[in-house]
Amino acid sequence: MTWASSRAGGSSSASGTSWTDAFLGGAWHTRHPPLQPGPLASWQAARFSLGHGGLSSIHVGSLSANELAPETRVSDLRSPSCDGSVVGLVPAAGTASRLGVRSGSKELLRVWRRPGTPTTEAEPVIRCLLAALEAAGAERALIVIRVGKDDIPAALGAASGDGMPLEYVRVSSSPSPPFTLDAAVPLIGDATVVLGLPDILFEPREAAGRVLERLVRTGADLALGLFPHPVIRRADVVELKADGTIGAVDRSGACVPGVLSWALAAWRASFTTFLHDFVAGIAAEDPRAGALGLGDVVNAAIAGGLAVTGEVVSDDTFLDVGTPEGLEEARRKQARG
């Protein structure tokens, strides 16, 4: 896969405007880089407004016909199946700020036991996700870690418990999850991605596979794995329409019973490209970059015309052990066996 855009501060080939300036204030004219093999993705014009809480508004409109590459079709981005490799993607560059001062990475908190083995020693929480990625058919997993979190590769080694190869991407710093994920893009290439969060406990193990199946079945660019909202903590609220498409992701995190949140995702190369362009449009040093979440990228993708779908993969909510209340609940469940 080749990239037409540069990191923040570079120029857009469409307008000559700096990616950063365009994202923060002007019309963002972006052509997705060529997908290999295949034609170019479609042009879109979008105006982004970035508030202190993240992406606050998006306005999208098609460019005039004479600005479109004649060979371009939105449908060219989507294939009916996930041909090629499947890669697991694990963002683990966080600082565990919600848990306060502690030694060691939160991803290694020993609060997970494999289903059906209640008497075995608890394993690191990240292994819950790795087991699900392997069950989904991921051929390898890319784990993005911050410099200084070498306890993760030291604990996990070069393969998961069932033999899935693990590769580590080190970043010196990352202002927010979209930047963390973008660091792995050169190693993703055109592969289909299955994403999970390494400090989340969830069931069933087959959940990640169900999200991937949804992606394949619908031909969408991105599929979200949905769970009942955890309520006890703030989390993205996902609007799932009657036809199974995603309307929007509310990042305000309102704790409202009966709504849905997401903890897993699967996507094609079209969304990998979109993610890369999104991150390239804002400088990491911008203070507002720290408030961005993957939900902001999802909303931008929906506004940009990508097909985003979702599926409820569990009747039970997930536990975020990266929060004090989630960790406490995980430990209570562990004590109960």
C-alpha atoms as a PDB file:
ATOM      1  CA  MET A   1       0.000   0.000   0.000  1.00  0.00           C
ATOM      2  CA  THR A   2       1.352   3.440  -0.903  1.00  0.00           C
ATOM      3  CA  TRP A   3       0.438   6.658   0.832  1.00  0.00           C
ATOM      4  CA  ALA A   4      -0.361   9.898  -0.970  1.00  0.00           C
ATOM      5  CA  SER A   5      -0.417  11.988   2.194  1.00  0.00           C
ATOM      6  CA  SER A   6       2.365  12.843   4.592  1.00  0.00           C
ATOM      7  CA  ARG A   7       2.347  13.222   8.334  1.00  0.00           C
ATOM      8  CA  ALA A   8       0.960  16.417   9.860  1.00  0.00           C
ATOM      9  CA  GLY A   9       2.503  19.491   8.345  1.00  0.00           C
ATOM     10  CA  GLY A  10       2.720  17.982   4.861  1.00  0.00           C
ATOM     11  CA  SER A  11       0.671  19.148   1.917  1.00  0.00           C
ATOM     12  CA  SER A  12      -2.517  17.728   0.508  1.00  0.00           C
ATOM     13  CA  SER A  13      -2.094  16.853  -3.141  1.00  0.00           C
ATOM     14  CA  ALA A  14      -5.640  18.121  -3.697  1.00  0.00           C
ATOM     15  CA  SER A  15      -5.306  21.708  -2.557  1.00  0.00           C
ATOM     16  CA  GLY A  16      -1.759  22.374  -1.380  1.00  0.00           C
ATOM     17  CA  THR A  17      -3.175  23.190   2.046  1.00  0.00           C
ATOM     18  CA  SER A  18      -1.369  21.846   5.065  1.00  0.00           C
ATOM     19  CA  TRP A  19      -3.131  18.747   6.421  1.00  0.00           C
ATOM     20  CA  THR A  20      -3.139  20.260   9.902  1.00  0.00           C
ATOM     21  CA  ASP A  21      -4.614  23.590   8.805  1.00  0.00           C
ATOM     22  CA  ALA A  22      -7.219  21.850   6.685  1.00  0.00           C
ATOM     23  CA  PHE A  23      -8.312  19.574   9.511  1.00  0.00           C
ATOM     24  CA  LEU A  24      -8.527  22.322  12.115  1.00  0.00           C
ATOM     25  CA  GLY A  25     -10.226  24.971  10.080  1.00  0.00           C
ATOM     26  CA  GLY A  26     -10.584  24.614   6.347  1.00  0.00           C
ATOM     27  CA  ALA A  27     -12.178  22.253   3.906  1.00  0.00           C
ATOM     28  CA  TRP A  28     -10.385  18.915   4.125  1.00  0.00           C
ATOM     29  CA  HIS A  29      -9.989  17.751   0.536  1.00  0.00           C
ATOM     30  CA  THR A  30      -8.526  14.294   0.699  1.00  0.00           C
ATOM     31  CA  ARG A  31      -8.149  11.563  -1.829  1.00  0.00           C
ATOM     32  CA  HIS A  32      -7.613   8.215  -0.190  1.00  0.00           C
ATOM     33  CA  PRO A  33      -4.240   6.785  -1.281  1.00  0.00           C
ATOM     34  CA  PRO A  34      -4.293   4.028  -3.900  1.00  0.00           C
ATOM     35  CA  LEU A  35      -5.256   0.617  -2.631  1.00  0.00           C
ATOM     36  CA  GLN A  36      -3.075  -2.042  -4.190  1.00  0.00           C
ATOM     37  CA  PRO A  37      -4.406  -3.621  -6.305  1.00  0.00           C
ATOM     38  CA  GLY A  38      -7.335  -1.481  -7.387  1.00  0.00           C
ATOM     39  CA  PRO A  39      -8.338   2.032  -8.413  1.00  0.00           C
ATOM     40  CA  LEU A  40      -8.370   5.132  -6.304  1.00  0.00           C
ATOM     41  CA  ALA A  41     -10.994   5.742  -3.684  1.00  0.00           C
ATOM     42  CA  SER A  42     -13.471   8.555  -4.135  1.00  0.00           C
ATOM     43  CA  TRP A  43     -12.887  12.188  -3.343  1.00  0.00           C
ATOM     44  CA  GLN A  44     -14.804  13.776  -0.538  1.00  0.00           C
ATOM     45  CA  ALA A  45     -14.818  17.279   0.854  1.00  0.00           C
ATOM     46  CA  ALA A  46     -15.265  17.533   4.577  1.00  0.00           C
ATOM     47  CA  ARG A  47     -15.150  20.355   7.065  1.00  0.00           C
ATOM     48  CA  PHE A  48     -14.104  19.292  10.539  1.00  0.00           C
ATOM     49  CA  SER A  49     -14.609  21.303  13.711  1.00  0.00           C
ATOM     50  CA  LEU A  50     -12.373  20.206  16.547  1.00  0.00           C
ATOM     51  CA  GLY A  51     -13.583  21.190  19.997  1.00  0.00           C
ATOM     52  CA  HIS A  52     -11.995  20.638  23.379  1.00  0.00           C
ATOM     53  CA  GLY A  53     -13.894  17.360  23.745  1.00  0.00           C
ATOM     54  CA  GLY A  54     -12.728  15.953  20.428  1.00  0.00           C
ATOM     55  CA  LEU A  55     -14.376  16.042  17.023  1.00  0.00           C
ATOM     56  CA  SER A  56     -17.487  18.133  17.513  1.00  0.00           C
ATOM     57  CA  SER A  57     -18.923  18.417  14.026  1.00  0.00           C
ATOM     58  CA  ILE A  58     -18.403  17.170  10.487  1.00  0.00           C
ATOM     59  CA  HIS A  59     -19.922  18.556   7.298  1.00  0.00           C
ATOM     60  CA  VAL A  60     -19.456  16.537   4.142  1.00  0.00           C
ATOM     61  CA  GLY A  61     -20.343  17.124   0.534  1.00  0.00           C
ATOM     62  CA  SER A  62     -19.259  15.584  -2.744  1.00  0.00           C
ATOM     63  CA  LEU A  63     -16.877  17.596  -4.894  1.00  0.00           C
ATOM     64  CA  SER A  64     -17.930  18.644  -8.370  1.00  0.00           C
ATOM     65  CA  ALA A  65     -17.854  16.037 -11.101  1.00  0.00           C
ATOM     66  CA  ASN A  66     -14.805  17.515 -12.810  1.00  0.00           C
ATOM     67  CA  GLU A  67     -12.788  17.019  -9.608  1.00  0.00           C
ATOM     68  CA  LEU A  68     -13.494  13.295  -9.503  1.00  0.00           C
ATOM     69  CA  ALA A  69     -11.078  10.800 -10.941  1.00  0.00           C
ATOM     70  CA  PRO A  70     -13.174   9.211 -13.731  1.00  0.00           C
ATOM     71  CA  GLU A  71     -12.161   5.689 -12.783  1.00  0.00           C
ATOM     72  CA  THR A  72     -13.171   6.178  -9.166  1.00  0.00           C
ATOM     73  CA  ARG A  73     -16.177   4.488  -7.534  1.00  0.00           C
ATOM     74  CA  VAL A  74     -16.946   4.196  -3.827  1.00  0.00           C
ATOM     75  CA  SER A  75     -17.867   0.564  -4.439  1.00  0.00           C
ATOM     76  CA  ASP A  76     -14.300  -0.104  -5.587  1.00  0.00           C
ATOM     77  CA  LEU A  77     -13.244   0.158  -1.945  1.00  0.00           C
ATOM     78  CA  ARG A  78     -15.402  -2.750  -0.919  1.00  0.00           C
ATOM     79  CA  SER A  79     -15.055  -6.371  -1.798  1.00  0.00           C
ATOM     80  CA  PRO A  80     -17.606  -9.052  -0.870  1.00  0.00           C
ATOM     81  CA  SER A  81     -15.108 -11.046   1.166  1.00  0.00           C
ATOM     82  CA  CYS A  82     -11.967 -10.627   3.218  1.00  0.00           C
ATOM     83  CA  ASP A  83      -9.431 -12.010   0.784  1.00  0.00           C
ATOM     84  CA  GLY A  84      -5.898 -12.009   2.089  1.00  0.00           C
ATOM     85  CA  SER A  85      -4.546 -11.992   5.604  1.00  0.00           C
ATOM     86  CA  VAL A  86      -6.285 -11.104   8.870  1.00  0.00           C
ATOM     87  CA  VAL A  87      -4.250  -9.159  11.422  1.00  0.00           C
ATOM     88  CA  GLY A  88      -5.088  -8.522  15.072  1.00  0.00           C
ATOM     89  CA  LEU A  89      -4.434  -4.965  16.267  1.00  0.00           C
ATOM     90  CA  VAL A  90      -3.930  -4.162  19.945  1.00  0.00           C
ATOM     91  CA  PRO A  91      -3.364  -0.568  21.183  1.00  0.00           C
ATOM     92  CA  ALA A  92      -1.385  -0.821  24.413  1.00  0.00           C
ATOM     93  CA  ALA A  93       0.446   2.504  24.603  1.00  0.00           C
ATOM     94  CA  GLY A  94      -1.645   4.025  27.392  1.00  0.00           C
ATOM     95  CA  THR A  95      -0.321   5.325  30.696  1.00  0.00           C
ATOM     96  CA  ALA A  96      -2.991   3.823  32.986  1.00  0.00           C
ATOM     97  CA  SER A  97      -3.684   7.320  34.304  1.00  0.00           C
ATOM     98  CA  ARG A  98      -7.171   6.307  35.460  1.00  0.00           C
ATOM     99  CA  LEU A  99      -5.692   3.760  37.860  1.00  0.00           C
ATOM    100  CA  GLY A 100      -3.279   6.189  39.488  1.00  0.00           C
ATOM    101  CA  VAL A 101       0.288   5.425  40.401  1.00  0.00           C
ATOM    102  CA  ARG A 102       1.160   1.740  40.068  1.00  0.00           C
ATOM    103  CA  SER A 103       4.035  -0.402  38.898  1.00  0.00           C
ATOM    104  CA  GLY A 104       3.745  -2.428  35.713  1.00  0.00           C
ATOM    105  CA  SER A 105       1.451  -2.186  32.714  1.00  0.00           C
ATOM    106  CA  LYS A 106      -2.305  -2.448  33.293  1.00  0.00           C
ATOM    107  CA  GLU A 107      -2.543  -4.908  30.399  1.00  0.00           C
ATOM    108  CA  LEU A 108      -0.735  -7.442  32.578  1.00  0.00           C
ATOM    109  CA  LEU A 109      -3.146  -7.292  35.507  1.00  0.00           C
ATOM    110  CA  ARG A 110      -3.940 -10.921  36.330  1.00  0.00           C
ATOM    111  CA  VAL A 111      -7.718 -10.909  36.339  1.00  0.00           C
ATOM    112  CA  TRP A 112      -8.614 -13.299  33.484  1.00  0.00           C
ATOM    113  CA  ARG A 113      -9.162 -17.020  33.490  1.00  0.00           C
ATOM    114  CA  ARG A 114      -9.894 -19.078  30.404  1.00  0.00           C
ATOM    115  CA  PRO A 115     -13.537 -20.157  30.326  1.00  0.00           C
ATOM    116  CA  GLY A 116     -14.049 -23.527  31.946  1.00  0.00           C
ATOM    117  CA  THR A 117     -10.882 -23.296  34.058  1.00  0.00           C
ATOM    118  CA  PRO A 118     -11.984 -21.552  37.280  1.00  0.00           C
ATOM    119  CA  THR A 119      -9.293 -23.174  39.421  1.00  0.00           C
ATOM    120  CA  THR A 120      -6.317 -22.223  37.254  1.00  0.00           C
ATOM    121  CA  GLU A 121      -4.053 -19.288  38.011  1.00  0.00           C
ATOM    122  CA  ALA A 122      -5.339 -15.991  36.663  1.00  0.00           C
ATOM    123  CA  GLU A 123      -3.658 -14.694  33.512  1.00  0.00           C
ATOM    124  CA  PRO A 124      -2.985 -11.126  32.261  1.00  0.00           C
ATOM    125  CA  VAL A 125      -6.112  -9.362  31.039  1.00  0.00           C
ATOM    126  CA  ILE A 126      -4.582  -8.865  27.572  1.00  0.00           C
ATOM    127  CA  ARG A 127      -4.731 -12.622  27.031  1.00  0.00           C
ATOM    128  CA  CYS A 128      -8.533 -12.411  26.975  1.00  0.00           C
ATOM    129  CA  LEU A 129      -8.269 -10.361  23.793  1.00  0.00           C
ATOM    130  CA  LEU A 130      -5.442 -12.418  22.286  1.00  0.00           C
ATOM    131  CA  ALA A 131      -7.483 -15.598  22.696  1.00  0.00           C
ATOM    132  CA  ALA A 132     -10.423 -13.934  20.920  1.00  0.00           C
ATOM    133  CA  LEU A 133      -8.232 -12.675  18.083  1.00  0.00           C
ATOM    134  CA  GLU A 134      -6.807 -16.126  17.580  1.00  0.00           C
ATOM    135  CA  ALA A 135     -10.291 -17.666  17.613  1.00  0.00           C
ATOM    136  CA  ALA A 136     -11.276 -15.118  14.926  1.00  0.00           C
ATOM    137  CA  GLY A 137      -8.541 -16.428  12.643  1.00  0.00           C
ATOM    138  CA  ALA A 138      -5.952 -13.673  13.006  1.00  0.00           C
ATOM    139  CA  GLU A 139      -2.662 -14.873  11.554  1.00  0.00           C
ATOM    140  CA  ARG A 140      -0.650 -12.497  13.747  1.00  0.00           C
ATOM    141  CA  ALA A 141      -1.244  -9.689  16.218  1.00  0.00           C
ATOM    142  CA  LEU A 142       0.382  -6.267  16.232  1.00  0.00           C
ATOM    143  CA  ILE A 143       0.685  -4.834  19.733  1.00  0.00           C
ATOM    144  CA  VAL A 144       1.481  -1.108  19.861  1.00  0.00           C
ATOM    145  CA  ILE A 145       3.326  -0.214  23.064  1.00  0.00           C
ATOM    146  CA  ARG A 146       4.875   2.934  24.407  1.00  0.00           C
ATOM    147  CA  VAL A 147       8.594   3.040  25.080  1.00  0.00           C
ATOM    148  CA  GLY A 148       9.030   1.941  28.690  1.00  0.00           C
ATOM    149  CA  LYS A 149       6.335  -0.756  28.568  1.00  0.00           C
ATOM    150  CA  ASP A 150       8.752  -3.552  27.790  1.00  0.00           C
ATOM    151  CA  ASP A 151       7.172  -5.618  30.537  1.00  0.00           C
ATOM    152  CA  ILE A 152       4.482  -6.523  27.979  1.00  0.00           C
ATOM    153  CA  PRO A 153       6.741  -8.289  25.448  1.00  0.00           C
ATOM    154  CA  ALA A 154       8.724  -9.723  28.354  1.00  0.00           C
ATOM    155  CA  ALA A 155       5.547 -11.318  29.732  1.00  0.00           C
ATOM    156  CA  LEU A 156       3.941 -12.391  26.456  1.00  0.00           C
ATOM    157  CA  GLY A 157       6.930 -13.307  24.335  1.00  0.00           C
ATOM    158  CA  ALA A 158       6.745 -13.859  20.589  1.00  0.00           C
ATOM    159  CA  ALA A 159       3.511 -15.857  20.469  1.00  0.00           C
ATOM    160  CA  SER A 160       0.149 -16.131  22.179  1.00  0.00           C
ATOM    161  CA  GLY A 161      -0.763 -19.039  24.383  1.00  0.00           C
ATOM    162  CA  ASP A 162      -2.040 -20.965  21.370  1.00  0.00           C
ATOM    163  CA  GLY A 163       0.794 -20.010  19.045  1.00  0.00           C
ATOM    164  CA  MET A 164      -0.379 -16.852  17.222  1.00  0.00           C
ATOM    165  CA  PRO A 165       2.729 -14.752  16.385  1.00  0.00           C
ATOM    166  CA  LEU A 166       2.978 -11.465  18.282  1.00  0.00           C
ATOM    167  CA  GLU A 167       4.747  -8.415  16.861  1.00  0.00           C
ATOM    168  CA  TYR A 168       5.440  -5.233  18.798  1.00  0.00           C
ATOM    169  CA  VAL A 169       5.361  -1.670  17.521  1.00  0.00           C
ATOM    170  CA  ARG A 170       7.043   0.846  19.833  1.00  0.00           C
ATOM    171  CA  VAL A 171       6.082   4.512  19.944  1.00  0.00           C
ATOM    172  CA  SER A 172       7.882   7.161  21.966  1.00  0.00           C
ATOM    173  CA  SER A 173       4.585   8.830  22.778  1.00  0.00           C
ATOM    174  CA  SER A 174       1.021   8.967  21.532  1.00  0.00           C
ATOM    175  CA  PRO A 175      -1.529  11.689  22.276  1.00  0.00           C
ATOM    176  CA  SER A 176      -4.572   9.462  21.684  1.00  0.00           C
ATOM    177  CA  PRO A 177      -5.723   6.063  20.387  1.00  0.00           C
ATOM    178  CA  PRO A 178      -6.007   7.053  16.683  1.00  0.00           C
ATOM    179  CA  PHE A 179      -2.323   8.028  16.711  1.00  0.00           C
ATOM    180  CA  THR A 180      -1.438   4.773  18.459  1.00  0.00           C
ATOM    181  CA  LEU A 181      -3.246   2.717  15.822  1.00  0.00           C
ATOM    182  CA  ASP A 182      -1.718   4.695  12.959  1.00  0.00           C
ATOM    183  CA  ALA A 183       1.766   3.678  14.128  1.00  0.00           C
ATOM    184  CA  ALA A 184       0.975   0.121  13.027  1.00  0.00           C
ATOM    185  CA  VAL A 185      -0.301   1.032   9.556  1.00  0.00           C
ATOM    186  CA  PRO A 186       3.001   0.265   7.758  1.00  0.00           C
ATOM    187  CA  LEU A 187       2.832  -3.301   9.095  1.00  0.00           C
ATOM    188  CA  ILE A 188      -0.865  -3.734   8.303  1.00  0.00           C
ATOM    189  CA  GLY A 189      -0.688  -3.090   4.579  1.00  0.00           C
ATOM    190  CA  ASP A 190      -3.833  -4.323   2.840  1.00  0.00           C
ATOM    191  CA  ALA A 191      -4.725  -6.878   5.516  1.00  0.00           C
ATOM    192  CA  THR A 192      -8.134  -7.061   7.135  1.00  0.00           C
ATOM    193  CA  VAL A 193      -7.890  -5.849  10.740  1.00  0.00           C
ATOM    194  CA  VAL A 194      -9.578  -7.140  13.890  1.00  0.00           C
ATOM    195  CA  LEU A 195      -9.190  -4.674  16.762  1.00  0.00           C
ATOM    196  CA  GLY A 196      -9.713  -5.134  20.477  1.00  0.00           C
ATOM    197  CA  LEU A 197      -8.816  -3.297  23.669  1.00  0.00           C
ATOM    198  CA  PRO A 198      -6.219  -5.006  25.886  1.00  0.00           C
ATOM    199  CA  ASP A 199      -7.641  -3.917  29.246  1.00  0.00           C
ATOM    200  CA  ILE A 200     -11.159  -5.223  28.568  1.00  0.00           C
ATOM    201  CA  LEU A 201     -12.679  -8.463  29.847  1.00  0.00           C
ATOM    202  CA  PHE A 202     -15.487  -9.822  27.694  1.00  0.00           C
ATOM    203  CA  GLU A 203     -17.272 -12.991  26.654  1.00  0.00           C
ATOM    204  CA  PRO A 204     -17.720 -15.024  24.591  1.00  0.00           C
ATOM    205  CA  ARG A 205     -14.338 -15.819  23.077  1.00  0.00           C
ATOM    206  CA  GLU A 206     -16.035 -16.032  19.672  1.00  0.00           C
ATOM    207  CA  ALA A 207     -17.109 -12.361  19.828  1.00  0.00           C
ATOM    208  CA  ALA A 208     -14.255 -11.068  17.682  1.00  0.00           C
ATOM    209  CA  GLY A 209     -14.960 -13.723  15.069  1.00  0.00           C
ATOM    210  CA  ARG A 210     -18.597 -12.622  14.920  1.00  0.00           C
ATOM    211  CA  VAL A 211     -17.531  -9.055  14.179  1.00  0.00           C
ATOM    212  CA  LEU A 212     -15.290 -10.277  11.357  1.00  0.00           C
ATOM    213  CA  GLU A 213     -18.122 -12.403   9.984  1.00  0.00           C
ATOM    214  CA  ARG A 214     -20.374  -9.323  10.032  1.00  0.00           C
ATOM    215  CA  LEU A 215     -17.782  -7.400   8.020  1.00  0.00           C
ATOM    216  CA  VAL A 216     -17.560 -10.161   5.419  1.00  0.00           C
ATOM    217  CA  ARG A 217     -21.298 -10.761   5.252  1.00  0.00           C
ATOM    218  CA  THR A 218     -22.237  -7.114   4.718  1.00  0.00           C
ATOM    219  CA  GLY A 219     -19.318  -5.987   2.571  1.00  0.00           C
ATOM    220  CA  ALA A 220     -18.919  -2.946   4.846  1.00  0.00           C
ATOM    221  CA  ASP A 221     -15.708  -1.008   5.344  1.00  0.00           C
ATOM    222  CA  LEU A 222     -15.922  -1.219   9.148  1.00  0.00           C
ATOM    223  CA  ALA A 223     -17.864  -3.354  11.620  1.00  0.00           C
ATOM    224  CA  LEU A 224     -18.218  -2.674  15.349  1.00  0.00           C
ATOM    225  CA  GLY A 225     -18.708  -5.369  17.984  1.00  0.00           C
ATOM    226  CA  LEU A 226     -21.391  -4.120  20.343  1.00  0.00           C
ATOM    227  CA  PHE A 227     -22.118  -4.858  23.993  1.00  0.00           C
ATOM    228  CA  PRO A 228     -24.667  -3.539  26.491  1.00  0.00           C
ATOM    229  CA  HIS A 229     -23.312  -0.272  27.866  1.00  0.00           C
ATOM    230  CA  PRO A 230     -21.357  -0.853  31.108  1.00  0.00           C
ATOM    231  CA  VAL A 231     -23.330   1.957  32.835  1.00  0.00           C
ATOM    232  CA  ILE A 232     -20.958   1.993  35.843  1.00  0.00           C
ATOM    233  CA  ARG A 233     -18.476   4.024  33.810  1.00  0.00           C
ATOM    234  CA  ARG A 234     -18.349   6.368  30.862  1.00  0.00           C
ATOM    235  CA  ALA A 235     -18.068   4.677  27.478  1.00  0.00           C
ATOM    236  CA  ASP A 236     -18.964   5.482  23.877  1.00  0.00           C
ATOM    237  CA  VAL A 237     -22.664   5.143  23.101  1.00  0.00           C
ATOM    238  CA  VAL A 238     -23.327   3.606  19.677  1.00  0.00           C
ATOM    239  CA  GLU A 239     -26.461   4.246  17.632  1.00  0.00           C
ATOM    240  CA  LEU A 240     -27.386   0.985  15.896  1.00  0.00           C
ATOM    241  CA  LYS A 241     -30.030   1.473  13.237  1.00  0.00           C
ATOM    242  CA  ALA A 242     -32.733  -1.057  12.403  1.00  0.00           C
ATOM    243  CA  ASP A 243     -30.900  -2.059   9.226  1.00  0.00           C
ATOM    244  CA  GLY A 244     -27.745  -2.895  11.205  1.00  0.00           C
ATOM    245  CA  THR A 245     -25.762   0.158  10.145  1.00  0.00           C
ATOM    246  CA  ILE A 246     -24.175   2.561  12.621  1.00  0.00           C
ATOM    247  CA  GLY A 247     -25.734   6.020  12.777  1.00  0.00           C
ATOM    248  CA  ALA A 248     -23.171   7.670  15.037  1.00  0.00           C
ATOM    249  CA  VAL A 249     -20.902   7.193  18.036  1.00  0.00           C
ATOM    250  CA  ASP A 250     -21.637   9.501  20.970  1.00  0.00           C
ATOM    251  CA  ARG A 251     -18.369  10.067  22.794  1.00  0.00           C
ATOM    252  CA  SER A 252     -19.918  11.993  25.666  1.00  0.00           C
ATOM    253  CA  GLY A 253     -20.090   8.651  27.470  1.00  0.00           C
ATOM    254  CA  ALA A 254     -23.478   9.186  29.071  1.00  0.00           C
ATOM    255  CA  CYS A 255     -24.269   6.263  31.392  1.00  0.00           C
ATOM    256  CA  VAL A 256     -27.764   5.429  30.178  1.00  0.00           C
ATOM    257  CA  PRO A 257     -29.199   1.948  30.792  1.00  0.00           C
ATOM    258  CA  GLY A 258     -30.347   0.080  27.716  1.00  0.00           C
ATOM    259  CA  VAL A 259     -27.929   1.572  25.202  1.00  0.00           C
ATOM    260  CA  LEU A 260     -24.999  -0.056  23.400  1.00  0.00           C
ATOM    261  CA  SER A 261     -21.265   0.495  23.466  1.00  0.00           C
ATOM    262  CA  TRP A 262     -18.432  -1.058  21.450  1.00  0.00           C
ATOM    263  CA  ALA A 263     -15.258  -2.918  22.419  1.00  0.00           C
ATOM    264  CA  LEU A 264     -14.294  -4.771  19.217  1.00  0.00           C
ATOM    265  CA  ALA A 265     -13.979  -3.802  15.564  1.00  0.00           C
ATOM    266  CA  ALA A 266     -13.026  -5.250  12.204  1.00  0.00           C
ATOM    267  CA  TRP A 267     -12.200  -3.334   9.046  1.00  0.00           C
ATOM    268  CA  ARG A 268     -10.873  -3.489   5.515  1.00  0.00           C
ATOM    269  CA  ALA A 269      -7.953  -1.657   3.913  1.00  0.00           C
ATOM    270  CA  SER A 270     -10.341   1.181   3.000  1.00  0.00           C
ATOM    271  CA  PHE A 271     -10.744   2.115   6.677  1.00  0.00           C
ATOM    272  CA  THR A 272      -7.028   1.661   7.380  1.00  0.00           C
ATOM    273  CA  THR A 273      -6.438   4.273   4.681  1.00  0.00           C
ATOM    274  CA  PHE A 274      -9.096   6.556   6.140  1.00  0.00           C
ATOM    275  CA  LEU A 275      -7.585   6.258   9.625  1.00  0.00           C
ATOM    276  CA  HIS A 276      -4.144   7.134   8.293  1.00  0.00           C
ATOM    277  CA  ASP A 277      -5.458  10.211   6.466  1.00  0.00           C
ATOM    278  CA  PHE A 278      -7.432  11.289   9.538  1.00  0.00           C
ATOM    279  CA  VAL A 279      -4.353  11.182  11.768  1.00  0.00           C
ATOM    280  CA  ALA A 280      -2.186  12.843   9.115  1.00  0.00           C
ATOM    281  CA  GLY A 281      -4.551  15.811   9.242  1.00  0.00           C
ATOM    282  CA  ILE A 282      -3.668  16.942  12.752  1.00  0.00           C
ATOM    283  CA  ALA A 283      -0.384  17.591  14.508  1.00  0.00           C
ATOM    284  CA  ALA A 284       0.330  15.334  17.465  1.00  0.00           C
ATOM    285  CA  GLU A 285       1.426  18.445  19.377  1.00  0.00           C
ATOM    286  CA  ASP A 286      -1.995  20.056  19.055  1.00  0.00           C
ATOM    287  CA  PRO A 287      -3.505  19.946  22.565  1.00  0.00           C
ATOM    288  CA  ARG A 288      -6.855  18.874  21.143  1.00  0.00           C
ATOM    289  CA  ALA A 289      -5.336  15.749  19.629  1.00  0.00           C
ATOM    290  CA  GLY A 290      -5.274  14.194  23.089  1.00  0.00           C
ATOM    291  CA  ALA A 291      -9.075  14.201  23.283  1.00  0.00           C
ATOM    292  CA  LEU A 292      -9.597  12.190  20.097  1.00  0.00           C
ATOM    293  CA  GLY A 293     -10.890   8.631  20.228  1.00  0.00           C
ATOM    294  CA  LEU A 294     -11.567   5.975  17.641  1.00  0.00           C
ATOM    295  CA  GLY A 295     -15.229   6.982  17.852  1.00  0.00           C
ATOM    296  CA  ASP A 296     -14.276  10.312  16.270  1.00  0.00           C
ATOM    297  CA  VAL A 297     -12.683   8.481  13.344  1.00  0.00           C
ATOM    298  CA  VAL A 298     -15.791   6.300  13.005  1.00  0.00           C
ATOM    299  CA  ASN A 299     -18.032   9.365  12.863  1.00  0.00           C
ATOM    300  CA  ALA A 300     -15.788  10.960  10.251  1.00  0.00           C
ATOM    301  CA  ALA A 301     -15.831   7.751   8.200  1.00  0.00           C
ATOM    302  CA  ILE A 302     -19.634   7.639   8.276  1.00  0.00           C
ATOM    303  CA  ALA A 303     -19.786  11.274   7.177  1.00  0.00           C
ATOM    304  CA  GLY A 304     -17.242  10.513   4.469  1.00  0.00           C
ATOM    305  CA  GLY A 305     -19.398   7.822   2.925  1.00  0.00           C
ATOM    306  CA  LEU A 306     -17.778   4.646   4.224  1.00  0.00           C
ATOM    307  CA  ALA A 307     -20.112   1.798   5.120  1.00  0.00           C
ATOM    308  CA  VAL A 308     -20.126   1.169   8.869  1.00  0.00           C
ATOM    309  CA  THR A 309     -22.119  -1.681  10.379  1.00  0.00           C
ATOM    310  CA  GLY A 310     -22.483  -3.223  13.825  1.00  0.00           C
ATOM    311  CA  GLU A 311     -23.543  -6.381  15.576  1.00  0.00           C
ATOM    312  CA  VAL A 312     -24.390  -7.136  19.186  1.00  0.00           C
ATOM    313  CA  VAL A 313     -21.952  -9.914  20.074  1.00  0.00           C
ATOM    314  CA  SER A 314     -22.864 -10.517  23.718  1.00  0.00           C
ATOM    315  CA  ASP A 315     -25.781 -10.201  26.100  1.00  0.00           C
ATOM    316  CA  ASP A 316     -23.353  -9.191  28.853  1.00  0.00           C
ATOM    317  CA  THR A 317     -21.389  -5.988  29.122  1.00  0.00           C
ATOM    318  CA  PHE A 318     -17.598  -5.802  29.177  1.00  0.00           C
ATOM    319  CA  LEU A 319     -15.370  -4.906  32.112  1.00  0.00           C
ATOM    320  CA  ASP A 320     -12.774  -2.185  31.663  1.00  0.00           C
ATOM    321  CA  VAL A 321     -10.074  -3.066  34.193  1.00  0.00           C
ATOM    322  CA  GLY A 322      -8.278   0.141  33.293  1.00  0.00           C
ATOM    323  CA  THR A 323     -10.714   1.924  35.604  1.00  0.00           C
ATOM    324  CA  PRO A 324     -10.782   1.558  39.398  1.00  0.00           C
ATOM    325  CA  GLU A 325     -14.416   0.400  39.425  1.00  0.00           C
ATOM    326  CA  GLY A 326     -13.860  -2.080  36.589  1.00  0.00           C
ATOM    327  CA  LEU A 327     -10.764  -3.529  38.223  1.00  0.00           C
ATOM    328  CA  GLU A 328     -12.577  -3.865  41.541  1.00  0.00           C
ATOM    329  CA  GLU A 329     -15.464  -5.707  39.869  1.00  0.00           C
ATOM    330  CA  ALA A 330     -13.050  -8.002  38.007  1.00  0.00           C
ATOM    331  CA  ARG A 331     -11.343  -8.900  41.264  1.00  0.00           C
ATOM    332  CA  ARG A 332     -14.687  -9.586  42.932  1.00  0.00           C
ATOM    333  CA  LYS A 333     -15.620 -11.970  40.129  1.00  0.00           C
ATOM    334  CA  GLN A 334     -12.227 -13.589  40.382  1.00  0.00           C
ATOM    335  CA  ALA A 335     -12.691 -14.154  44.108  1.00  0.00           C
ATOM    336  CA  ARG A 336     -16.075 -15.731  43.512  1.00  0.00           C
ATOM    337  CA  GLY A 337     -14.493 -18.137  41.011  1.00  0.00           C
END
